[in-house]
Amino acid sequence: MNIFKRRKFITFIIITLLLLFVALYFIIYKDFATNHTDGEGYEIEQITEIAGELEEIITEELEDVIIEEENVIVEDVKTEVADTDKKTEKKTNATNNNNNNAQKTETKPNNTNANTNNNQTNNNNVPKAGNTTAPQQPNNPPVEETKPKDPVETWKYNATMAKQLKSDIENNPSDLMQEFDYNVIIDENIVNTTNQFTYTQSRVLDKIINKFGTIKVYARDYYVNGELRWTECFVI
């Protein structure tokens, strides 16, 4: 029974009870009026009390009926809402299942097409009979290996140091030089015939202890990548 039918049923009960109340009230009043024609006041009061009691009984019955019907209506509403939710959920699930099935169905042709394309690609990659042309290799540019640069060595004539060597020898001649005479000259060619040394005056004098006659000297600076490393001295 839906809500509208419940409301009609409640309205029918209320009208029936009201009519019953009016009928009882009329019967009681007529009975007292027939049996007591003297119209005493206490009889009218008794009729009023009886009518009031009847009104309270009918009112209580109406309230009970209304409360009971309202509870029934609330339960019916809850049931209808629950049924509606279940129907909606079932429709949603059915729609999702149909969509999933449709997606699966649409995916299968794609796999078939992919397999067909792969087969065609593989067939194209298989060399045909009589075609002996080797596949061309990509022309990769040669990789240049970066080698460390060799140090740049340079030598420059050091005139100041050469003069210092000549002066030390002339101012400190050995005994043989004094006995057999001597001549000190600057000659670049001696770098290939004797070893170089780092300058100190004592080393220069050690070089001429047993020398006389022509004595050759030379001096040059040694550079690596433009940086001065040391000064080379030569005496022969």
Protein backbone atom coordinates (compact mmCIF):
# COMPACT_ATOMS: atom_id res chain seq x y z
CA MET A 1 0.00 0.00 0.00
CA ASN A 2 1.58 3.30 -1.11
CA ILE A 3 1.51 6.63 0.73
CA PHE A 4 -1.53 8.08 -1.07
CA LYS A 5 -3.66 5.03 -0.30
CA ARG A 6 -2.61 5.23 3.36
CA ARG A 7 -3.67 8.85 3.55
CA LYS A 8 -7.07 8.05 2.04
CA PHE A 9 -7.50 5.20 4.51
CA ILE A 10 -6.66 7.44 7.49
CA THR A 11 -9.07 10.12 6.26
CA PHE A 12 -11.83 7.51 5.95
CA ILE A 13 -11.24 6.27 9.53
CA ILE A 14 -11.30 9.83 10.94
CA ILE A 15 -14.56 10.66 9.16
CA THR A 16 -16.09 7.36 10.33
CA LEU A 17 -15.13 8.01 13.95
CA LEU A 18 -16.49 11.57 13.80
CA LEU A 19 -19.78 10.31 12.40
CA LEU A 20 -19.89 7.65 15.12
CA PHE A 21 -19.29 10.30 17.75
CA VAL A 22 -22.08 12.49 16.37
CA ALA A 23 -24.47 9.51 16.18
CA LEU A 24 -23.78 8.38 19.76
CA TYR A 25 -24.10 11.91 21.06
CA PHE A 26 -27.47 12.27 19.26
CA ILE A 27 -28.75 8.88 20.57
CA ILE A 28 -27.79 9.67 24.18
CA TYR A 29 -29.32 13.11 24.02
CA LYS A 30 -32.58 11.76 22.51
CA ASP A 31 -32.81 8.99 25.14
CA PHE A 32 -32.45 11.44 27.99
CA ALA A 33 -34.88 13.84 26.36
CA THR A 34 -37.53 11.07 25.97
CA ASN A 35 -37.25 9.59 29.48
CA HIS A 36 -36.82 12.90 31.33
CA THR A 37 -39.19 15.53 30.03
CA ASP A 38 -38.93 17.71 33.11
CA GLY A 39 -35.60 19.09 31.85
CA GLU A 40 -33.78 19.01 35.15
CA GLY A 41 -30.30 20.48 35.09
CA TYR A 42 -28.41 17.49 36.54
CA GLU A 43 -29.58 15.32 33.60
CA ILE A 44 -28.07 17.77 31.08
CA GLU A 45 -24.82 17.67 33.03
CA GLN A 46 -24.75 13.87 32.88
CA ILE A 47 -25.27 14.00 29.11
CA THR A 48 -22.38 16.45 28.79
CA GLU A 49 -20.07 14.25 30.91
CA ILE A 50 -20.95 11.15 28.87
CA ALA A 51 -20.38 13.08 25.63
CA GLY A 52 -17.01 14.31 26.95
CA GLU A 53 -15.95 10.78 27.84
CA LEU A 54 -16.98 9.58 24.40
CA GLU A 55 -15.00 12.44 22.83
CA GLU A 56 -11.84 11.50 24.82
CA ILE A 57 -12.17 7.83 23.86
CA ILE A 58 -12.62 8.67 20.18
CA THR A 59 -9.75 11.20 20.29
CA GLU A 60 -7.38 8.64 21.82
CA GLU A 61 -8.39 6.08 19.24
CA LEU A 62 -7.80 8.61 16.46
CA GLU A 63 -4.33 9.47 17.83
CA ASP A 64 -3.39 5.80 18.06
CA VAL A 65 -4.58 5.21 14.51
CA ILE A 66 -2.71 8.27 13.18
CA ILE A 67 0.57 7.35 14.96
CA GLU A 68 0.37 3.76 13.77
CA GLU A 69 -0.32 4.82 10.20
CA GLU A 70 2.50 7.40 10.26
CA ASN A 71 4.93 4.68 11.38
CA VAL A 72 3.70 2.44 8.61
CA ILE A 73 4.12 5.27 6.08
CA VAL A 74 7.71 5.93 7.25
CA GLU A 75 8.58 2.25 6.92
CA ASP A 76 7.00 2.15 3.44
CA VAL A 77 9.05 5.20 2.40
CA LYS A 78 12.28 3.60 3.65
CA THR A 79 11.42 0.37 1.84
CA GLU A 80 10.66 2.21 -1.41
CA VAL A 81 13.94 4.20 -1.17
CA ALA A 82 15.91 1.00 -0.50
CA ASP A 83 14.24 -0.72 -3.45
CA THR A 84 14.99 2.27 -5.68
CA ASP A 85 18.67 2.27 -4.61
CA LYS A 86 18.95 -1.46 -5.31
CA LYS A 87 17.38 -1.02 -8.76
CA THR A 88 19.74 1.90 -9.53
CA GLU A 89 22.76 -0.12 -8.37
CA LYS A 90 21.71 -3.08 -10.51
CA LYS A 91 21.29 -0.81 -13.54
CA THR A 92 24.72 0.76 -12.93
CA ASN A 93 26.40 -2.64 -12.59
CA ALA A 94 24.66 -3.87 -15.70
CA THR A 95 25.79 -0.77 -17.62
CA ASN A 96 29.40 -1.19 -16.45
CA ASN A 97 29.39 -4.87 -17.42
CA ASN A 98 28.04 -4.00 -20.86
CA ASN A 99 30.75 -1.34 -21.29
CA ASN A 100 33.48 -3.76 -20.24
CA ASN A 101 32.21 -6.41 -22.60
CA ALA A 102 32.05 -3.85 -25.40
CA GLN A 103 35.66 -2.78 -24.72
CA LYS A 104 36.85 -6.40 -24.75
CA THR A 105 35.01 -7.01 -28.00
CA GLU A 106 36.55 -3.90 -29.58
CA THR A 107 40.06 -4.85 -28.42
CA LYS A 108 40.13 -8.23 -30.18
CA PRO A 109 40.11 -6.84 -33.77
CA ASN A 110 42.97 -4.50 -32.80
CA ASN A 111 45.06 -7.49 -31.68
CA THR A 112 44.27 -9.25 -34.93
CA ASN A 113 45.32 -6.18 -36.91
CA ALA A 114 48.49 -5.87 -34.84
CA ASN A 115 49.36 -9.51 -35.49
CA THR A 116 48.69 -9.03 -39.20
CA ASN A 117 50.92 -5.95 -39.28
CA ASN A 118 53.67 -7.79 -37.42
CA ASN A 119 53.45 -10.70 -39.85
CA GLN A 120 53.65 -8.32 -42.79
CA THR A 121 56.67 -6.57 -41.24
CA ASN A 122 58.42 -9.88 -40.62
CA ASN A 123 57.68 -10.98 -44.17
CA ASN A 124 59.13 -7.74 -45.51
CA ASN A 125 62.28 -8.25 -43.43
CA VAL A 126 62.89 -11.77 -44.86
CA PRO A 127 65.25 -11.46 -47.85
CA LYS A 128 63.71 -12.58 -51.09
CA ALA A 129 65.21 -15.39 -53.14
CA GLY A 130 67.87 -14.15 -55.53
CA ASN A 131 68.37 -10.89 -53.67
CA THR A 132 71.96 -11.19 -52.39
CA THR A 133 72.48 -7.51 -51.64
CA ALA A 134 73.86 -7.18 -48.12
CA PRO A 135 72.20 -4.62 -45.87
CA GLN A 136 74.06 -1.38 -45.80
CA GLN A 137 75.71 -0.51 -42.55
CA PRO A 138 75.19 3.00 -41.25
CA ASN A 139 78.12 5.29 -41.91
CA ASN A 140 79.24 6.25 -38.48
CA PRO A 141 81.87 8.99 -38.36
CA PRO A 142 85.21 7.81 -37.00
CA VAL A 143 85.75 8.58 -33.39
CA GLU A 144 88.82 10.66 -32.91
CA GLU A 145 90.84 9.73 -29.89
CA THR A 146 91.98 12.69 -27.93
CA LYS A 147 95.65 12.24 -27.17
CA PRO A 148 97.45 14.32 -24.60
CA LYS A 149 99.54 16.97 -26.23
CA ASP A 150 103.29 16.56 -26.01
CA PRO A 151 105.01 19.26 -24.01
CA VAL A 152 106.53 21.98 -26.12
CA GLU A 153 110.22 22.33 -25.24
CA THR A 154 112.19 25.41 -26.24
CA TRP A 155 115.67 26.76 -25.49
CA LYS A 156 116.77 30.37 -25.59
CA TYR A 157 120.32 31.74 -25.45
CA ASN A 158 121.12 33.37 -22.09
CA ALA A 159 123.78 35.94 -22.86
CA THR A 160 124.02 37.16 -19.26
CA MET A 161 124.84 33.71 -17.93
CA ALA A 162 127.33 33.02 -20.78
CA LYS A 163 129.21 36.21 -19.91
CA GLN A 164 129.13 35.21 -16.24
CA LEU A 165 130.80 31.86 -17.09
CA LYS A 166 133.52 33.57 -19.19
CA SER A 167 134.19 36.11 -16.46
CA ASP A 168 134.54 33.46 -13.74
CA ILE A 169 137.11 31.52 -15.84
CA GLU A 170 139.15 34.57 -16.83
CA ASN A 171 139.27 35.88 -13.27
CA ASN A 172 140.20 32.49 -11.80
CA PRO A 173 142.55 30.74 -14.25
CA SER A 174 143.99 27.34 -13.38
CA ASP A 175 147.71 26.63 -13.11
CA LEU A 176 147.78 25.03 -16.56
CA MET A 177 146.00 28.00 -18.07
CA GLN A 178 148.55 30.35 -16.59
CA GLU A 179 151.47 28.17 -17.75
CA PHE A 180 150.31 27.37 -21.28
CA ASP A 181 148.06 30.36 -21.90
CA TYR A 182 144.29 30.26 -22.62
CA ASN A 183 141.44 31.86 -24.58
CA VAL A 184 137.76 31.79 -23.44
CA ILE A 185 135.11 31.97 -26.19
CA ILE A 186 131.27 31.53 -26.39
CA ASP A 187 130.35 28.67 -28.72
CA GLU A 188 126.79 27.32 -29.20
CA ASN A 189 127.97 24.06 -30.79
CA ILE A 190 129.30 22.63 -27.53
CA VAL A 191 125.73 21.77 -26.35
CA ASN A 192 125.97 18.59 -28.45
CA THR A 193 129.43 17.53 -27.21
CA THR A 194 129.24 18.02 -23.43
CA ASN A 195 126.79 17.77 -20.58
CA GLN A 196 124.97 20.73 -19.08
CA PHE A 197 125.03 21.73 -15.39
CA THR A 198 123.35 24.18 -13.12
CA TYR A 199 125.46 27.23 -12.43
CA THR A 200 127.58 27.69 -9.34
CA GLN A 201 131.01 29.31 -9.46
CA SER A 202 132.67 26.29 -7.80
CA ARG A 203 131.32 24.00 -10.53
CA VAL A 204 132.67 26.32 -13.20
CA LEU A 205 136.14 26.31 -11.65
CA ASP A 206 136.09 22.52 -11.27
CA LYS A 207 135.51 22.28 -15.04
CA ILE A 208 138.78 24.18 -15.87
CA ILE A 209 141.27 22.61 -13.41
CA ASN A 210 142.95 20.56 -16.15
CA LYS A 211 142.25 22.88 -19.09
CA PHE A 212 144.32 25.37 -21.04
CA GLY A 213 144.35 26.81 -24.51
CA THR A 214 140.89 27.49 -26.03
CA ILE A 215 138.10 27.07 -23.52
CA LYS A 216 134.52 27.20 -24.82
CA VAL A 217 131.44 28.23 -22.79
CA TYR A 218 127.71 28.55 -23.48
CA ALA A 219 124.45 29.13 -21.52
CA ARG A 220 120.77 28.76 -22.43
CA ASP A 221 117.34 28.77 -20.70
CA TYR A 222 115.12 25.70 -20.88
CA TYR A 223 111.30 26.33 -21.33
CA VAL A 224 108.37 23.85 -21.26
CA ASN A 225 105.13 25.16 -22.77
CA GLY A 226 106.49 28.66 -22.41
CA GLU A 227 107.41 28.27 -18.75
CA LEU A 228 111.08 28.64 -17.65
CA ARG A 229 112.31 25.54 -15.87
CA TRP A 230 116.09 26.13 -15.45
CA THR A 231 119.26 27.54 -16.99
CA GLU A 232 121.74 25.14 -18.60
CA CYS A 233 125.46 25.88 -18.48
CA PHE A 234 128.17 24.31 -20.68
CA VAL A 235 132.00 24.42 -20.35
CA ILE A 236 134.50 22.44 -22.46
